[in-house]
Amino acid sequence: MANNLGSKRVVVGASYGLRDWLAQRITAVLMALFTLAIVVRLVLEVFTIVWLVACTGWAIQVLWRL
């Protein structure tokens, strides 16, 4: 059994190479873009609902004056 405790311990990191690092970064960018797309879609849906309610209110007001 090797004595790998204390100051003689060999410290190794989890270095898997450039390809894995790049794949992780690309995946993170894709996830961020997907999240942004979902948020934009939700904002546009809310804006559409508000716009339709406003148009309905305007139409009721116009018809009320007739």
N, C-alpha and C. Protein backbone atom coordinates (compact mmCIF):
# COMPACT_ATOMS: atom_id res chain seq x y z
N MET A 1 0.85 -1.17 0.00
CA MET A 1 0.00 0.00 0.00
C MET A 1 0.89 1.23 0.00
N ALA A 2 0.58 2.15 -0.89
CA ALA A 2 1.39 3.35 -1.02
C ALA A 2 0.99 4.37 0.04
N ASN A 3 1.98 5.08 0.51
CA ASN A 3 1.73 6.13 1.50
C ASN A 3 1.42 7.43 0.75
N ASN A 4 0.14 7.74 0.60
CA ASN A 4 -0.25 8.93 -0.14
C ASN A 4 -0.96 9.93 0.76
N LEU A 5 -0.61 9.96 2.01
CA LEU A 5 -1.20 10.90 2.94
C LEU A 5 -0.19 11.97 3.30
N GLY A 6 -0.68 13.11 3.74
CA GLY A 6 0.21 14.17 4.19
C GLY A 6 0.80 14.94 3.04
N SER A 7 2.06 15.38 3.22
CA SER A 7 2.70 16.23 2.23
C SER A 7 3.15 15.46 0.99
N LYS A 8 3.17 14.14 1.05
CA LYS A 8 3.59 13.34 -0.10
C LYS A 8 2.42 12.92 -0.99
N ARG A 9 1.25 13.41 -0.67
CA ARG A 9 0.07 13.01 -1.43
C ARG A 9 0.11 13.61 -2.82
N VAL A 10 -0.27 12.84 -3.81
CA VAL A 10 -0.33 13.30 -5.19
C VAL A 10 -1.73 13.84 -5.43
N VAL A 11 -1.80 15.12 -5.75
CA VAL A 11 -3.08 15.77 -5.98
C VAL A 11 -3.35 15.79 -7.48
N VAL A 12 -4.45 15.20 -7.86
CA VAL A 12 -4.83 15.21 -9.26
C VAL A 12 -6.18 15.89 -9.40
N GLY A 13 -6.33 16.63 -10.46
CA GLY A 13 -7.60 17.29 -10.72
C GLY A 13 -8.39 16.53 -11.76
N ALA A 14 -9.61 16.92 -11.91
CA ALA A 14 -10.48 16.28 -12.90
C ALA A 14 -10.33 17.02 -14.23
N SER A 15 -9.21 16.82 -14.88
CA SER A 15 -8.99 17.47 -16.17
C SER A 15 -9.32 16.47 -17.26
N TYR A 16 -10.41 16.72 -17.96
CA TYR A 16 -10.88 15.79 -18.98
C TYR A 16 -10.55 16.26 -20.39
N GLY A 17 -9.90 17.39 -20.49
CA GLY A 17 -9.47 17.82 -21.81
C GLY A 17 -10.29 18.96 -22.36
N LEU A 18 -9.80 19.51 -23.43
CA LEU A 18 -10.42 20.68 -24.06
C LEU A 18 -11.78 20.35 -24.65
N ARG A 19 -11.91 19.15 -25.22
CA ARG A 19 -13.17 18.78 -25.85
C ARG A 19 -14.33 18.77 -24.86
N ASP A 20 -14.11 18.18 -23.69
CA ASP A 20 -15.16 18.16 -22.67
C ASP A 20 -15.44 19.55 -22.13
N TRP A 21 -14.40 20.34 -21.94
CA TRP A 21 -14.58 21.72 -21.45
C TRP A 21 -15.41 22.52 -22.46
N LEU A 22 -15.07 22.39 -23.75
CA LEU A 22 -15.79 23.11 -24.78
C LEU A 22 -17.24 22.63 -24.89
N ALA A 23 -17.46 21.33 -24.76
CA ALA A 23 -18.82 20.79 -24.81
C ALA A 23 -19.64 21.35 -23.65
N GLN A 24 -19.04 21.48 -22.49
CA GLN A 24 -19.75 22.04 -21.34
C GLN A 24 -20.13 23.50 -21.59
N ARG A 25 -19.22 24.27 -22.15
CA ARG A 25 -19.49 25.68 -22.41
C ARG A 25 -20.57 25.85 -23.49
N ILE A 26 -20.51 25.03 -24.53
CA ILE A 26 -21.51 25.10 -25.59
C ILE A 26 -22.88 24.72 -25.03
N THR A 27 -22.93 23.70 -24.21
CA THR A 27 -24.19 23.30 -23.58
C THR A 27 -24.73 24.43 -22.71
N ALA A 28 -23.87 25.10 -21.97
CA ALA A 28 -24.32 26.21 -21.12
C ALA A 28 -24.89 27.34 -21.97
N VAL A 29 -24.25 27.64 -23.09
CA VAL A 29 -24.75 28.70 -23.97
C VAL A 29 -26.10 28.31 -24.54
N LEU A 30 -26.25 27.06 -24.97
CA LEU A 30 -27.53 26.60 -25.51
C LEU A 30 -28.63 26.67 -24.45
N MET A 31 -28.32 26.30 -23.22
CA MET A 31 -29.31 26.37 -22.15
C MET A 31 -29.70 27.82 -21.87
N ALA A 32 -28.74 28.72 -21.91
CA ALA A 32 -29.04 30.14 -21.68
C ALA A 32 -29.92 30.69 -22.80
N LEU A 33 -29.62 30.32 -24.05
CA LEU A 33 -30.43 30.78 -25.18
C LEU A 33 -31.85 30.22 -25.10
N PHE A 34 -31.98 28.96 -24.71
CA PHE A 34 -33.30 28.35 -24.58
C PHE A 34 -34.10 29.05 -23.48
N THR A 35 -33.45 29.32 -22.36
CA THR A 35 -34.13 30.02 -21.26
C THR A 35 -34.56 31.41 -21.70
N LEU A 36 -33.70 32.11 -22.41
CA LEU A 36 -34.04 33.43 -22.92
C LEU A 36 -35.23 33.36 -23.88
N ALA A 37 -35.24 32.36 -24.74
CA ALA A 37 -36.36 32.20 -25.69
C ALA A 37 -37.67 31.95 -24.95
N ILE A 38 -37.64 31.15 -23.90
CA ILE A 38 -38.85 30.88 -23.11
C ILE A 38 -39.33 32.15 -22.44
N VAL A 39 -38.42 32.92 -21.87
CA VAL A 39 -38.81 34.17 -21.19
C VAL A 39 -39.40 35.16 -22.20
N VAL A 40 -38.77 35.28 -23.36
CA VAL A 40 -39.28 36.20 -24.38
C VAL A 40 -40.67 35.77 -24.83
N ARG A 41 -40.86 34.48 -25.01
CA ARG A 41 -42.17 33.98 -25.43
C ARG A 41 -43.24 34.30 -24.38
N LEU A 42 -42.91 34.10 -23.11
CA LEU A 42 -43.88 34.39 -22.05
C LEU A 42 -44.21 35.88 -22.00
N VAL A 43 -43.19 36.70 -22.16
CA VAL A 43 -43.42 38.16 -22.16
C VAL A 43 -44.32 38.56 -23.33
N LEU A 44 -44.07 37.97 -24.50
CA LEU A 44 -44.90 38.28 -25.66
C LEU A 44 -46.34 37.80 -25.48
N GLU A 45 -46.52 36.66 -24.83
CA GLU A 45 -47.87 36.18 -24.57
C GLU A 45 -48.61 37.12 -23.62
N VAL A 46 -47.93 37.57 -22.59
CA VAL A 46 -48.55 38.52 -21.66
C VAL A 46 -48.87 39.82 -22.38
N PHE A 47 -47.96 40.30 -23.20
CA PHE A 47 -48.19 41.53 -23.97
C PHE A 47 -49.40 41.36 -24.89
N THR A 48 -49.52 40.19 -25.52
CA THR A 48 -50.65 39.94 -26.41
C THR A 48 -51.97 39.96 -25.65
N ILE A 49 -51.99 39.35 -24.48
CA ILE A 49 -53.21 39.35 -23.67
C ILE A 49 -53.58 40.77 -23.26
N VAL A 50 -52.59 41.55 -22.82
CA VAL A 50 -52.86 42.93 -22.42
C VAL A 50 -53.36 43.73 -23.63
N TRP A 51 -52.76 43.52 -24.79
CA TRP A 51 -53.17 44.23 -26.01
C TRP A 51 -54.61 43.87 -26.38
N LEU A 52 -54.97 42.59 -26.30
CA LEU A 52 -56.33 42.18 -26.63
C LEU A 52 -57.35 42.74 -25.65
N VAL A 53 -57.01 42.78 -24.38
CA VAL A 53 -57.91 43.36 -23.38
C VAL A 53 -58.09 44.85 -23.65
N ALA A 54 -57.01 45.53 -24.00
CA ALA A 54 -57.10 46.97 -24.31
C ALA A 54 -57.96 47.20 -25.55
N CYS A 55 -57.78 46.38 -26.57
CA CYS A 55 -58.59 46.52 -27.78
C CYS A 55 -60.06 46.24 -27.49
N THR A 56 -60.32 45.27 -26.65
CA THR A 56 -61.70 44.97 -26.26
C THR A 56 -62.32 46.15 -25.52
N GLY A 57 -61.55 46.74 -24.62
CA GLY A 57 -62.04 47.91 -23.90
C GLY A 57 -62.32 49.07 -24.84
N TRP A 58 -61.45 49.27 -25.80
CA TRP A 58 -61.65 50.35 -26.78
C TRP A 58 -62.89 50.08 -27.62
N ALA A 59 -63.10 48.82 -28.05
CA ALA A 59 -64.26 48.48 -28.86
C ALA A 59 -65.55 48.67 -28.06
N ILE A 60 -65.54 48.28 -26.82
CA ILE A 60 -66.73 48.48 -25.97
C ILE A 60 -67.01 49.97 -25.81
N GLN A 61 -65.97 50.75 -25.64
CA GLN A 61 -66.16 52.20 -25.49
C GLN A 61 -66.72 52.79 -26.78
N VAL A 62 -66.24 52.36 -27.93
CA VAL A 62 -66.75 52.88 -29.21
C VAL A 62 -68.20 52.48 -29.39
N LEU A 63 -68.50 51.22 -29.11
CA LEU A 63 -69.89 50.76 -29.26
C LEU A 63 -70.82 51.42 -28.25
N TRP A 64 -70.34 51.75 -27.09
CA TRP A 64 -71.15 52.39 -26.06
C TRP A 64 -71.61 53.79 -26.51
N ARG A 65 -70.75 54.46 -27.30
CA ARG A 65 -71.07 55.81 -27.77
C ARG A 65 -72.09 55.81 -28.89
N LEU A 66 -72.33 54.67 -29.54
CA LEU A 66 -73.30 54.63 -30.64
C LEU A 66 -74.68 54.75 -30.12
